[in-house]
Each structure stands twice: as C-alpha cells, then as structure tokens.
Amino acid sequence: LLRALQTPALAALIARHSDANTTVFDNNSR
C-alpha cells in the first residue's frame, strides 16, 4: 500500500521530522 502511494508532501512531513513517537494500544479499553 505504501509503495502504491504517490504522496511526496506526506513523505516529507514524516521523513524530515523533528520528533516521532509510537504508542502501542491496549484494546482492552474497548
């Protein structure tokens, strides 16, 4: 899916970031 996208602006915002964090979510919160 990501290979199929032609989104240079999104790519710039994501790749050239000042900060990036990932959070794993617990689905027990429903």
mmCIF file of all heavy atoms, coordinates in Angstrom:
data_MODEL
# 
_entry.id   MODEL 
# 
loop_
_atom_site.group_PDB 
_atom_site.id 
_atom_site.type_symbol 
_atom_site.label_atom_id 
_atom_site.label_alt_id 
_atom_site.label_comp_id 
_atom_site.label_asym_id 
_atom_site.label_entity_id 
_atom_site.label_seq_id 
_atom_site.pdbx_PDB_ins_code 
_atom_site.Cartn_x 
_atom_site.Cartn_y 
_atom_site.Cartn_z 
_atom_site.occupancy 
_atom_site.B_iso_or_equiv 
_atom_site.pdbx_formal_charge 
_atom_site.auth_seq_id 
_atom_site.auth_comp_id 
_atom_site.auth_asym_id 
_atom_site.auth_atom_id 
_atom_site.pdbx_PDB_model_num 
ATOM 1   N N   . LEU A 1 1  ? 0.827   -1.209 0.000  1.00 0.00 ? 1  LEU A N   1 
ATOM 2   C CA  . LEU A 1 1  ? 0.000   0.000  0.000  1.00 0.00 ? 1  LEU A CA  1 
ATOM 3   C C   . LEU A 1 1  ? 0.859   1.256  0.000  1.00 0.00 ? 1  LEU A C   1 
ATOM 4   O O   . LEU A 1 1  ? 0.590   2.206  -0.752 1.00 0.00 ? 1  LEU A O   1 
ATOM 5   C CB  . LEU A 1 1  ? -0.928  -0.013 1.222  1.00 0.00 ? 1  LEU A CB  1 
ATOM 6   C CG  . LEU A 1 1  ? -2.079  -1.013 1.179  1.00 0.00 ? 1  LEU A CG  1 
ATOM 7   C CD1 . LEU A 1 1  ? -2.816  -1.040 2.513  1.00 0.00 ? 1  LEU A CD1 1 
ATOM 8   C CD2 . LEU A 1 1  ? -3.056  -0.675 0.057  1.00 0.00 ? 1  LEU A CD2 1 
ATOM 9   N N   . LEU A 1 2  ? 1.884   1.285  0.830  1.00 0.00 ? 2  LEU A N   1 
ATOM 10  C CA  . LEU A 1 2  ? 2.730   2.475  0.890  1.00 0.00 ? 2  LEU A CA  1 
ATOM 11  C C   . LEU A 1 2  ? 3.497   2.669  -0.413 1.00 0.00 ? 2  LEU A C   1 
ATOM 12  O O   . LEU A 1 2  ? 3.746   3.802  -0.838 1.00 0.00 ? 2  LEU A O   1 
ATOM 13  C CB  . LEU A 1 2  ? 3.697   2.363  2.065  1.00 0.00 ? 2  LEU A CB  1 
ATOM 14  C CG  . LEU A 1 2  ? 3.047   2.363  3.462  1.00 0.00 ? 2  LEU A CG  1 
ATOM 15  C CD1 . LEU A 1 2  ? 4.110   2.268  4.550  1.00 0.00 ? 2  LEU A CD1 1 
ATOM 16  C CD2 . LEU A 1 2  ? 2.172   3.590  3.670  1.00 0.00 ? 2  LEU A CD2 1 
ATOM 17  N N   . ARG A 1 3  ? 3.877   1.564  -1.068 1.00 0.00 ? 3  ARG A N   1 
ATOM 18  C CA  . ARG A 1 3  ? 4.567   1.658  -2.349 1.00 0.00 ? 3  ARG A CA  1 
ATOM 19  C C   . ARG A 1 3  ? 3.655   2.241  -3.424 1.00 0.00 ? 3  ARG A C   1 
ATOM 20  O O   . ARG A 1 3  ? 4.112   2.931  -4.347 1.00 0.00 ? 3  ARG A O   1 
ATOM 21  C CB  . ARG A 1 3  ? 5.065   0.276  -2.769 1.00 0.00 ? 3  ARG A CB  1 
ATOM 22  C CG  . ARG A 1 3  ? 6.037   0.300  -3.956 1.00 0.00 ? 3  ARG A CG  1 
ATOM 23  C CD  . ARG A 1 3  ? 6.488   -1.099 -4.330 1.00 0.00 ? 3  ARG A CD  1 
ATOM 24  N NE  . ARG A 1 3  ? 7.184   -1.745 -3.226 1.00 0.00 ? 3  ARG A NE  1 
ATOM 25  C CZ  . ARG A 1 3  ? 6.748   -2.828 -2.596 1.00 0.00 ? 3  ARG A CZ  1 
ATOM 26  N NH1 . ARG A 1 3  ? 5.608   -3.388 -2.946 1.00 0.00 ? 3  ARG A NH1 1 
ATOM 27  N NH2 . ARG A 1 3  ? 7.457   -3.368 -1.627 1.00 0.00 ? 3  ARG A NH2 1 
ATOM 28  N N   . ALA A 1 4  ? 2.355   1.987  -3.299 1.00 0.00 ? 4  ALA A N   1 
ATOM 29  C CA  . ALA A 1 4  ? 1.402   2.459  -4.302 1.00 0.00 ? 4  ALA A CA  1 
ATOM 30  C C   . ALA A 1 4  ? 1.080   3.947  -4.150 1.00 0.00 ? 4  ALA A C   1 
ATOM 31  O O   . ALA A 1 4  ? 0.568   4.568  -5.083 1.00 0.00 ? 4  ALA A O   1 
ATOM 32  C CB  . ALA A 1 4  ? 0.120   1.636  -4.234 1.00 0.00 ? 4  ALA A CB  1 
ATOM 33  N N   . LEU A 1 5  ? 1.366   4.510  -3.001 1.00 0.00 ? 5  LEU A N   1 
ATOM 34  C CA  . LEU A 1 5  ? 1.029   5.910  -2.760 1.00 0.00 ? 5  LEU A CA  1 
ATOM 35  C C   . LEU A 1 5  ? 2.018   6.845  -3.446 1.00 0.00 ? 5  LEU A C   1 
ATOM 36  O O   . LEU A 1 5  ? 3.221   6.606  -3.444 1.00 0.00 ? 5  LEU A O   1 
ATOM 37  C CB  . LEU A 1 5  ? 1.021   6.204  -1.256 1.00 0.00 ? 5  LEU A CB  1 
ATOM 38  C CG  . LEU A 1 5  ? -0.145  5.635  -0.448 1.00 0.00 ? 5  LEU A CG  1 
ATOM 39  C CD1 . LEU A 1 5  ? 0.085   5.858  1.046  1.00 0.00 ? 5  LEU A CD1 1 
ATOM 40  C CD2 . LEU A 1 5  ? -1.463  6.274  -0.877 1.00 0.00 ? 5  LEU A CD2 1 
ATOM 41  N N   . GLN A 1 6  ? 1.486   7.909  -4.016 1.00 0.00 ? 6  GLN A N   1 
ATOM 42  C CA  . GLN A 1 6  ? 2.288   8.986  -4.584 1.00 0.00 ? 6  GLN A CA  1 
ATOM 43  C C   . GLN A 1 6  ? 2.015   10.236 -3.753 1.00 0.00 ? 6  GLN A C   1 
ATOM 44  O O   . GLN A 1 6  ? 1.214   11.087 -4.121 1.00 0.00 ? 6  GLN A O   1 
ATOM 45  C CB  . GLN A 1 6  ? 1.934   9.198  -6.058 1.00 0.00 ? 6  GLN A CB  1 
ATOM 46  C CG  . GLN A 1 6  ? 2.140   7.978  -6.932 1.00 0.00 ? 6  GLN A CG  1 
ATOM 47  C CD  . GLN A 1 6  ? 3.605   7.555  -6.987 1.00 0.00 ? 6  GLN A CD  1 
ATOM 48  O OE1 . GLN A 1 6  ? 4.499   8.386  -7.069 1.00 0.00 ? 6  GLN A OE1 1 
ATOM 49  N NE2 . GLN A 1 6  ? 3.833   6.233  -6.935 1.00 0.00 ? 6  GLN A NE2 1 
ATOM 50  N N   . THR A 1 7  ? 2.670   10.309 -2.600 1.00 0.00 ? 7  THR A N   1 
ATOM 51  C CA  . THR A 1 7  ? 2.382   11.374 -1.636 1.00 0.00 ? 7  THR A CA  1 
ATOM 52  C C   . THR A 1 7  ? 3.683   12.033 -1.170 1.00 0.00 ? 7  THR A C   1 
ATOM 53  O O   . THR A 1 7  ? 4.122   11.834 -0.031 1.00 0.00 ? 7  THR A O   1 
ATOM 54  C CB  . THR A 1 7  ? 1.629   10.793 -0.429 1.00 0.00 ? 7  THR A CB  1 
ATOM 55  O OG1 . THR A 1 7  ? 2.378   9.671  0.103  1.00 0.00 ? 7  THR A OG1 1 
ATOM 56  C CG2 . THR A 1 7  ? 0.236   10.323 -0.818 1.00 0.00 ? 7  THR A CG2 1 
ATOM 57  N N   . PRO A 1 8  ? 4.318   12.831 -2.027 1.00 0.00 ? 8  PRO A N   1 
ATOM 58  C CA  . PRO A 1 8  ? 5.596   13.451 -1.651 1.00 0.00 ? 8  PRO A CA  1 
ATOM 59  C C   . PRO A 1 8  ? 5.491   14.396 -0.455 1.00 0.00 ? 8  PRO A C   1 
ATOM 60  O O   . PRO A 1 8  ? 6.436   14.488 0.343  1.00 0.00 ? 8  PRO A O   1 
ATOM 61  C CB  . PRO A 1 8  ? 6.010   14.200 -2.926 1.00 0.00 ? 8  PRO A CB  1 
ATOM 62  C CG  . PRO A 1 8  ? 4.737   14.378 -3.708 1.00 0.00 ? 8  PRO A CG  1 
ATOM 63  C CD  . PRO A 1 8  ? 3.907   13.169 -3.399 1.00 0.00 ? 8  PRO A CD  1 
ATOM 64  N N   . ALA A 1 9  ? 4.381   15.102 -0.308 1.00 0.00 ? 9  ALA A N   1 
ATOM 65  C CA  . ALA A 1 9  ? 4.236   16.016 0.821  1.00 0.00 ? 9  ALA A CA  1 
ATOM 66  C C   . ALA A 1 9  ? 4.135   15.233 2.133  1.00 0.00 ? 9  ALA A C   1 
ATOM 67  O O   . ALA A 1 9  ? 4.775   15.581 3.130  1.00 0.00 ? 9  ALA A O   1 
ATOM 68  C CB  . ALA A 1 9  ? 3.011   16.905 0.635  1.00 0.00 ? 9  ALA A CB  1 
ATOM 69  N N   . LEU A 1 10 ? 3.334   14.169 2.133  1.00 0.00 ? 10 LEU A N   1 
ATOM 70  C CA  . LEU A 1 10 ? 3.235   13.328 3.324  1.00 0.00 ? 10 LEU A CA  1 
ATOM 71  C C   . LEU A 1 10 ? 4.596   12.723 3.652  1.00 0.00 ? 10 LEU A C   1 
ATOM 72  O O   . LEU A 1 10 ? 5.003   12.673 4.820  1.00 0.00 ? 10 LEU A O   1 
ATOM 73  C CB  . LEU A 1 10 ? 2.197   12.230 3.109  1.00 0.00 ? 10 LEU A CB  1 
ATOM 74  C CG  . LEU A 1 10 ? 2.050   11.200 4.245  1.00 0.00 ? 10 LEU A CG  1 
ATOM 75  C CD1 . LEU A 1 10 ? 1.637   11.877 5.537  1.00 0.00 ? 10 LEU A CD1 1 
ATOM 76  C CD2 . LEU A 1 10 ? 1.041   10.123 3.850  1.00 0.00 ? 10 LEU A CD2 1 
ATOM 77  N N   . ALA A 1 11 ? 5.301   12.264 2.626  1.00 0.00 ? 11 ALA A N   1 
ATOM 78  C CA  . ALA A 1 11 ? 6.623   11.674 2.833  1.00 0.00 ? 11 ALA A CA  1 
ATOM 79  C C   . ALA A 1 11 ? 7.584   12.687 3.446  1.00 0.00 ? 11 ALA A C   1 
ATOM 80  O O   . ALA A 1 11 ? 8.380   12.358 4.333  1.00 0.00 ? 11 ALA A O   1 
ATOM 81  C CB  . ALA A 1 11 ? 7.174   11.151 1.514  1.00 0.00 ? 11 ALA A CB  1 
ATOM 82  N N   . ALA A 1 12 ? 7.523   13.935 3.001  1.00 0.00 ? 12 ALA A N   1 
ATOM 83  C CA  . ALA A 1 12 ? 8.400   14.974 3.549  1.00 0.00 ? 12 ALA A CA  1 
ATOM 84  C C   . ALA A 1 12 ? 8.084   15.252 5.008  1.00 0.00 ? 12 ALA A C   1 
ATOM 85  O O   . ALA A 1 12 ? 8.986   15.402 5.844  1.00 0.00 ? 12 ALA A O   1 
ATOM 86  C CB  . ALA A 1 12 ? 8.282   16.255 2.718  1.00 0.00 ? 12 ALA A CB  1 
ATOM 87  N N   . LEU A 1 13 ? 6.800   15.323 5.346  1.00 0.00 ? 13 LEU A N   1 
ATOM 88  C CA  . LEU A 1 13 ? 6.394   15.593 6.726  1.00 0.00 ? 13 LEU A CA  1 
ATOM 89  C C   . LEU A 1 13 ? 6.816   14.468 7.662  1.00 0.00 ? 13 LEU A C   1 
ATOM 90  O O   . LEU A 1 13 ? 7.177   14.707 8.820  1.00 0.00 ? 13 LEU A O   1 
ATOM 91  C CB  . LEU A 1 13 ? 4.877   15.798 6.793  1.00 0.00 ? 13 LEU A CB  1 
ATOM 92  C CG  . LEU A 1 13 ? 4.337   17.070 6.137  1.00 0.00 ? 13 LEU A CG  1 
ATOM 93  C CD1 . LEU A 1 13 ? 2.813   17.026 6.059  1.00 0.00 ? 13 LEU A CD1 1 
ATOM 94  C CD2 . LEU A 1 13 ? 4.798   18.308 6.915  1.00 0.00 ? 13 LEU A CD2 1 
ATOM 95  N N   . ILE A 1 14 ? 6.768   13.233 7.158  1.00 0.00 ? 14 ILE A N   1 
ATOM 96  C CA  . ILE A 1 14 ? 7.098   12.087 8.004  1.00 0.00 ? 14 ILE A CA  1 
ATOM 97  C C   . ILE A 1 14 ? 8.600   11.843 8.079  1.00 0.00 ? 14 ILE A C   1 
ATOM 98  O O   . ILE A 1 14 ? 9.159   11.640 9.161  1.00 0.00 ? 14 ILE A O   1 
ATOM 99  C CB  . ILE A 1 14 ? 6.362   10.831 7.493  1.00 0.00 ? 14 ILE A CB  1 
ATOM 100 C CG1 . ILE A 1 14 ? 4.867   10.967 7.758  1.00 0.00 ? 14 ILE A CG1 1 
ATOM 101 C CG2 . ILE A 1 14 ? 6.918   9.563  8.145  1.00 0.00 ? 14 ILE A CG2 1 
ATOM 102 C CD1 . ILE A 1 14 ? 4.039   9.851  7.195  1.00 0.00 ? 14 ILE A CD1 1 
ATOM 103 N N   . ALA A 1 15 ? 9.280   11.866 6.940  1.00 0.00 ? 15 ALA A N   1 
ATOM 104 C CA  . ALA A 1 15 ? 10.705  11.538 6.920  1.00 0.00 ? 15 ALA A CA  1 
ATOM 105 C C   . ALA A 1 15 ? 11.552  12.641 7.549  1.00 0.00 ? 15 ALA A C   1 
ATOM 106 O O   . ALA A 1 15 ? 12.508  12.362 8.290  1.00 0.00 ? 15 ALA A O   1 
ATOM 107 C CB  . ALA A 1 15 ? 11.158  11.272 5.486  1.00 0.00 ? 15 ALA A CB  1 
ATOM 108 N N   . ARG A 1 16 ? 11.230  13.888 7.261  1.00 0.00 ? 16 ARG A N   1 
ATOM 109 C CA  . ARG A 1 16 ? 12.010  15.009 7.781  1.00 0.00 ? 16 ARG A CA  1 
ATOM 110 C C   . ARG A 1 16 ? 11.303  15.578 9.012  1.00 0.00 ? 16 ARG A C   1 
ATOM 111 O O   . ARG A 1 16 ? 10.780  16.689 9.002  1.00 0.00 ? 16 ARG A O   1 
ATOM 112 C CB  . ARG A 1 16 ? 12.202  16.061 6.699  1.00 0.00 ? 16 ARG A CB  1 
ATOM 113 C CG  . ARG A 1 16 ? 13.046  15.519 5.546  1.00 0.00 ? 16 ARG A CG  1 
ATOM 114 C CD  . ARG A 1 16 ? 13.261  16.511 4.438  1.00 0.00 ? 16 ARG A CD  1 
ATOM 115 N NE  . ARG A 1 16 ? 14.134  15.934 3.406  1.00 0.00 ? 16 ARG A NE  1 
ATOM 116 C CZ  . ARG A 1 16 ? 14.439  16.526 2.265  1.00 0.00 ? 16 ARG A CZ  1 
ATOM 117 N NH1 . ARG A 1 16 ? 13.934  17.732 1.983  1.00 0.00 ? 16 ARG A NH1 1 
ATOM 118 N NH2 . ARG A 1 16 ? 15.237  15.931 1.387  1.00 0.00 ? 16 ARG A NH2 1 
ATOM 119 N N   . HIS A 1 17 ? 11.312  14.774 10.058 1.00 0.00 ? 17 HIS A N   1 
ATOM 120 C CA  . HIS A 1 17 ? 10.591  15.146 11.274 1.00 0.00 ? 17 HIS A CA  1 
ATOM 121 C C   . HIS A 1 17 ? 11.543  15.686 12.333 1.00 0.00 ? 17 HIS A C   1 
ATOM 122 O O   . HIS A 1 17 ? 12.752  15.448 12.301 1.00 0.00 ? 17 HIS A O   1 
ATOM 123 C CB  . HIS A 1 17 ? 9.828   13.940 11.828 1.00 0.00 ? 17 HIS A CB  1 
ATOM 124 C CG  . HIS A 1 17 ? 10.715  12.777 12.167 1.00 0.00 ? 17 HIS A CG  1 
ATOM 125 N ND1 . HIS A 1 17 ? 10.911  11.711 11.318 1.00 0.00 ? 17 HIS A ND1 1 
ATOM 126 C CD2 . HIS A 1 17 ? 11.472  12.517 13.273 1.00 0.00 ? 17 HIS A CD2 1 
ATOM 127 C CE1 . HIS A 1 17 ? 11.735  10.845 11.875 1.00 0.00 ? 17 HIS A CE1 1 
ATOM 128 N NE2 . HIS A 1 17 ? 12.094  11.309 13.067 1.00 0.00 ? 17 HIS A NE2 1 
ATOM 129 N N   . SER A 1 18 ? 10.977  16.400 13.267 1.00 0.00 ? 18 SER A N   1 
ATOM 130 C CA  . SER A 1 18 ? 11.730  16.867 14.433 1.00 0.00 ? 18 SER A CA  1 
ATOM 131 C C   . SER A 1 18 ? 11.502  15.955 15.629 1.00 0.00 ? 18 SER A C   1 
ATOM 132 O O   . SER A 1 18 ? 12.300  15.937 16.572 1.00 0.00 ? 18 SER A O   1 
ATOM 133 C CB  . SER A 1 18 ? 11.316  18.305 14.788 1.00 0.00 ? 18 SER A CB  1 
ATOM 134 O OG  . SER A 1 18 ? 9.912   18.374 15.010 1.00 0.00 ? 18 SER A OG  1 
ATOM 135 N N   . ASP A 1 19 ? 10.415  15.194 15.588 1.00 0.00 ? 19 ASP A N   1 
ATOM 136 C CA  . ASP A 1 19 ? 10.101  14.296 16.692 1.00 0.00 ? 19 ASP A CA  1 
ATOM 137 C C   . ASP A 1 19 ? 9.134   13.231 16.191 1.00 0.00 ? 19 ASP A C   1 
ATOM 138 O O   . ASP A 1 19 ? 8.230   13.523 15.399 1.00 0.00 ? 19 ASP A O   1 
ATOM 139 C CB  . ASP A 1 19 ? 9.462   15.078 17.853 1.00 0.00 ? 19 ASP A CB  1 
ATOM 140 C CG  . ASP A 1 19 ? 9.197   14.211 19.060 1.00 0.00 ? 19 ASP A CG  1 
ATOM 141 O OD1 . ASP A 1 19 ? 10.153  13.616 19.594 1.00 0.00 ? 19 ASP A OD1 1 
ATOM 142 O OD2 . ASP A 1 19 ? 8.029   14.100 19.475 1.00 0.00 ? 19 ASP A OD2 1 
ATOM 143 N N   . ALA A 1 20 ? 9.331   11.988 16.637 1.00 0.00 ? 20 ALA A N   1 
ATOM 144 C CA  . ALA A 1 20 ? 8.436   10.898 16.244 1.00 0.00 ? 20 ALA A CA  1 
ATOM 145 C C   . ALA A 1 20 ? 8.351   9.881  17.379 1.00 0.00 ? 20 ALA A C   1 
ATOM 146 O O   . ALA A 1 20 ? 9.376   9.490  17.942 1.00 0.00 ? 20 ALA A O   1 
ATOM 147 C CB  . ALA A 1 20 ? 8.929   10.225 14.971 1.00 0.00 ? 20 ALA A CB  1 
ATOM 148 N N   . ASN A 1 21 ? 7.129   9.485  17.713 1.00 0.00 ? 21 ASN A N   1 
ATOM 149 C CA  . ASN A 1 21 ? 6.908   8.520  18.789 1.00 0.00 ? 21 ASN A CA  1 
ATOM 150 C C   . ASN A 1 21 ? 5.818   7.545  18.398 1.00 0.00 ? 21 ASN A C   1 
ATOM 151 O O   . ASN A 1 21 ? 4.836   7.918  17.740 1.00 0.00 ? 21 ASN A O   1 
ATOM 152 C CB  . ASN A 1 21 ? 6.502   9.236  20.086 1.00 0.00 ? 21 ASN A CB  1 
ATOM 153 C CG  . ASN A 1 21 ? 7.603   10.122 20.628 1.00 0.00 ? 21 ASN A CG  1 
ATOM 154 O OD1 . ASN A 1 21 ? 8.576   9.642  21.182 1.00 0.00 ? 21 ASN A OD1 1 
ATOM 155 N ND2 . ASN A 1 21 ? 7.441   11.427 20.449 1.00 0.00 ? 21 ASN A ND2 1 
ATOM 156 N N   . THR A 1 22 ? 5.982   6.304  18.811 1.00 0.00 ? 22 THR A N   1 
ATOM 157 C CA  . THR A 1 22 ? 5.000   5.260  18.540 1.00 0.00 ? 22 THR A CA  1 
ATOM 158 C C   . THR A 1 22 ? 4.414   4.751  19.850 1.00 0.00 ? 22 THR A C   1 
ATOM 159 O O   . THR A 1 22 ? 5.152   4.539  20.819 1.00 0.00 ? 22 THR A O   1 
ATOM 160 C CB  . THR A 1 22 ? 5.638   4.090  17.775 1.00 0.00 ? 22 THR A CB  1 
ATOM 161 O OG1 . THR A 1 22 ? 6.155   4.577  16.535 1.00 0.00 ? 22 THR A OG1 1 
ATOM 162 C CG2 . THR A 1 22 ? 4.612   3.005  17.500 1.00 0.00 ? 22 THR A CG2 1 
ATOM 163 N N   . THR A 1 23 ? 3.098   4.575  19.900 1.00 0.00 ? 23 THR A N   1 
ATOM 164 C CA  . THR A 1 23 ? 2.421   4.065  21.090 1.00 0.00 ? 23 THR A CA  1 
ATOM 165 C C   . THR A 1 23 ? 1.639   2.814  20.727 1.00 0.00 ? 23 THR A C   1 
ATOM 166 O O   . THR A 1 23 ? 0.830   2.834  19.798 1.00 0.00 ? 23 THR A O   1 
ATOM 167 C CB  . THR A 1 23 ? 1.448   5.118  21.664 1.00 0.00 ? 23 THR A CB  1 
ATOM 168 O OG1 . THR A 1 23 ? 2.175   6.308  21.983 1.00 0.00 ? 23 THR A OG1 1 
ATOM 169 C CG2 . THR A 1 23 ? 0.779   4.589  22.924 1.00 0.00 ? 23 THR A CG2 1 
ATOM 170 N N   . VAL A 1 24 ? 1.907   1.734  21.440 1.00 0.00 ? 24 VAL A N   1 
ATOM 171 C CA  . VAL A 1 24 ? 1.142   0.503  21.270 1.00 0.00 ? 24 VAL A CA  1 
ATOM 172 C C   . VAL A 1 24 ? -0.096  0.598  22.148 1.00 0.00 ? 24 VAL A C   1 
ATOM 173 O O   . VAL A 1 24 ? -0.020  0.977  23.321 1.00 0.00 ? 24 VAL A O   1 
ATOM 174 C CB  . VAL A 1 24 ? 1.982   -0.727 21.650 1.00 0.00 ? 24 VAL A CB  1 
ATOM 175 C CG1 . VAL A 1 24 ? 1.161   -1.998 21.526 1.00 0.00 ? 24 VAL A CG1 1 
ATOM 176 C CG2 . VAL A 1 24 ? 3.220   -0.813 20.767 1.00 0.00 ? 24 VAL A CG2 1 
ATOM 177 N N   . PHE A 1 25 ? -1.229  0.252  21.587 1.00 0.00 ? 25 PHE A N   1 
ATOM 178 C CA  . PHE A 1 25 ? -2.511  0.454  22.269 1.00 0.00 ? 25 PHE A CA  1 
ATOM 179 C C   . PHE A 1 25 ? -3.067  -0.859 22.789 1.00 0.00 ? 25 PHE A C   1 
ATOM 180 O O   . PHE A 1 25 ? -2.991  -1.888 22.108 1.00 0.00 ? 25 PHE A O   1 
ATOM 181 C CB  . PHE A 1 25 ? -3.506  1.092  21.287 1.00 0.00 ? 25 PHE A CB  1 
ATOM 182 C CG  . PHE A 1 25 ? -4.801  1.516  21.911 1.00 0.00 ? 25 PHE A CG  1 
ATOM 183 C CD1 . PHE A 1 25 ? -4.841  2.573  22.802 1.00 0.00 ? 25 PHE A CD1 1 
ATOM 184 C CD2 . PHE A 1 25 ? -5.985  0.866  21.596 1.00 0.00 ? 25 PHE A CD2 1 
ATOM 185 C CE1 . PHE A 1 25 ? -6.047  2.983  23.363 1.00 0.00 ? 25 PHE A CE1 1 
ATOM 186 C CE2 . PHE A 1 25 ? -7.182  1.261  22.143 1.00 0.00 ? 25 PHE A CE2 1 
ATOM 187 C CZ  . PHE A 1 25 ? -7.210  2.328  23.036 1.00 0.00 ? 25 PHE A CZ  1 
ATOM 188 N N   . ASP A 1 26 ? -3.629  -0.807 23.984 1.00 0.00 ? 26 ASP A N   1 
ATOM 189 C CA  . ASP A 1 26 ? -4.247  -1.976 24.593 1.00 0.00 ? 26 ASP A CA  1 
ATOM 190 C C   . ASP A 1 26 ? -5.736  -1.973 24.269 1.00 0.00 ? 26 ASP A C   1 
ATOM 191 O O   . ASP A 1 26 ? -6.478  -1.111 24.735 1.00 0.00 ? 26 ASP A O   1 
ATOM 192 C CB  . ASP A 1 26 ? -4.045  -1.952 26.113 1.00 0.00 ? 26 ASP A CB  1 
ATOM 193 C CG  . ASP A 1 26 ? -4.468  -3.247 26.789 1.00 0.00 ? 26 ASP A CG  1 
ATOM 194 O OD1 . ASP A 1 26 ? -5.319  -3.964 26.220 1.00 0.00 ? 26 ASP A OD1 1 
ATOM 195 O OD2 . ASP A 1 26 ? -3.943  -3.539 27.874 1.00 0.00 ? 26 ASP A OD2 1 
ATOM 196 N N   . ASN A 1 27 ? -6.175  -2.935 23.468 1.00 0.00 ? 27 ASN A N   1 
ATOM 197 C CA  . ASN A 1 27 ? -7.576  -2.960 23.049 1.00 0.00 ? 27 ASN A CA  1 
ATOM 198 C C   . ASN A 1 27 ? -8.543  -3.315 24.169 1.00 0.00 ? 27 ASN A C   1 
ATOM 199 O O   . ASN A 1 27 ? -9.754  -3.332 23.961 1.00 0.00 ? 27 ASN A O   1 
ATOM 200 C CB  . ASN A 1 27 ? -7.760  -3.941 21.884 1.00 0.00 ? 27 ASN A CB  1 
ATOM 201 C CG  . ASN A 1 27 ? -7.380  -3.294 20.559 1.00 0.00 ? 27 ASN A CG  1 
ATOM 202 O OD1 . ASN A 1 27 ? -7.684  -2.142 20.328 1.00 0.00 ? 27 ASN A OD1 1 
ATOM 203 N ND2 . ASN A 1 27 ? -6.697  -4.049 19.718 1.00 0.00 ? 27 ASN A ND2 1 
ATOM 204 N N   . ASN A 1 28 ? -8.039  -3.600 25.366 1.00 0.00 ? 28 ASN A N   1 
ATOM 205 C CA  . ASN A 1 28 ? -8.931  -3.843 26.493 1.00 0.00 ? 28 ASN A CA  1 
ATOM 206 C C   . ASN A 1 28 ? -9.734  -2.601 26.858 1.00 0.00 ? 28 ASN A C   1 
ATOM 207 O O   . ASN A 1 28 ? -10.701 -2.679 27.613 1.00 0.00 ? 28 ASN A O   1 
ATOM 208 C CB  . ASN A 1 28 ? -8.134  -4.316 27.713 1.00 0.00 ? 28 ASN A CB  1 
ATOM 209 C CG  . ASN A 1 28 ? -7.640  -5.744 27.561 1.00 0.00 ? 28 ASN A CG  1 
ATOM 210 O OD1 . ASN A 1 28 ? -8.257  -6.546 26.858 1.00 0.00 ? 28 ASN A OD1 1 
ATOM 211 N ND2 . ASN A 1 28 ? -6.531  -6.071 28.209 1.00 0.00 ? 28 ASN A ND2 1 
ATOM 212 N N   . SER A 1 29 ? -9.318  -1.450 26.352 1.00 0.00 ? 29 SER A N   1 
ATOM 213 C CA  . SER A 1 29 ? -10.078 -0.229 26.609 1.00 0.00 ? 29 SER A CA  1 
ATOM 214 C C   . SER A 1 29 ? -11.378 -0.194 25.832 1.00 0.00 ? 29 SER A C   1 
ATOM 215 O O   . SER A 1 29 ? -12.223 0.660  26.055 1.00 0.00 ? 29 SER A O   1 
ATOM 216 C CB  . SER A 1 29 ? -9.245  1.002  26.260 1.00 0.00 ? 29 SER A CB  1 
ATOM 217 O OG  . SER A 1 29 ? -8.929  0.992  24.894 1.00 0.00 ? 29 SER A OG  1 
ATOM 218 N N   . ARG A 1 30 ? -11.538 -1.101 24.867 1.00 0.00 ? 30 ARG A N   1 
ATOM 219 C CA  . ARG A 1 30 ? -12.794 -1.280 24.133 1.00 0.00 ? 30 ARG A CA  1 
ATOM 220 C C   . ARG A 1 30 ? -13.150 -0.089 23.239 1.00 0.00 ? 30 ARG A C   1 
ATOM 221 O O   . ARG A 1 30 ? -14.302 0.106  22.875 1.00 0.00 ? 30 ARG A O   1 
ATOM 222 C CB  . ARG A 1 30 ? -13.943 -1.604 25.098 1.00 0.00 ? 30 ARG A CB  1 
ATOM 223 C CG  . ARG A 1 30 ? -13.689 -2.889 25.892 1.00 0.00 ? 30 ARG A CG  1 
ATOM 224 C CD  . ARG A 1 30 ? -14.633 -3.001 27.089 1.00 0.00 ? 30 ARG A CD  1 
ATOM 225 N NE  . ARG A 1 30 ? -16.001 -3.238 26.701 1.00 0.00 ? 30 ARG A NE  1 
ATOM 226 C CZ  . ARG A 1 30 ? -16.516 -4.430 26.398 1.00 0.00 ? 30 ARG A CZ  1 
ATOM 227 N NH1 . ARG A 1 30 ? -15.760 -5.501 26.430 1.00 0.00 ? 30 ARG A NH1 1 
ATOM 228 N NH2 . ARG A 1 30 ? -17.791 -4.554 26.077 1.00 0.00 ? 30 ARG A NH2 1 
# 
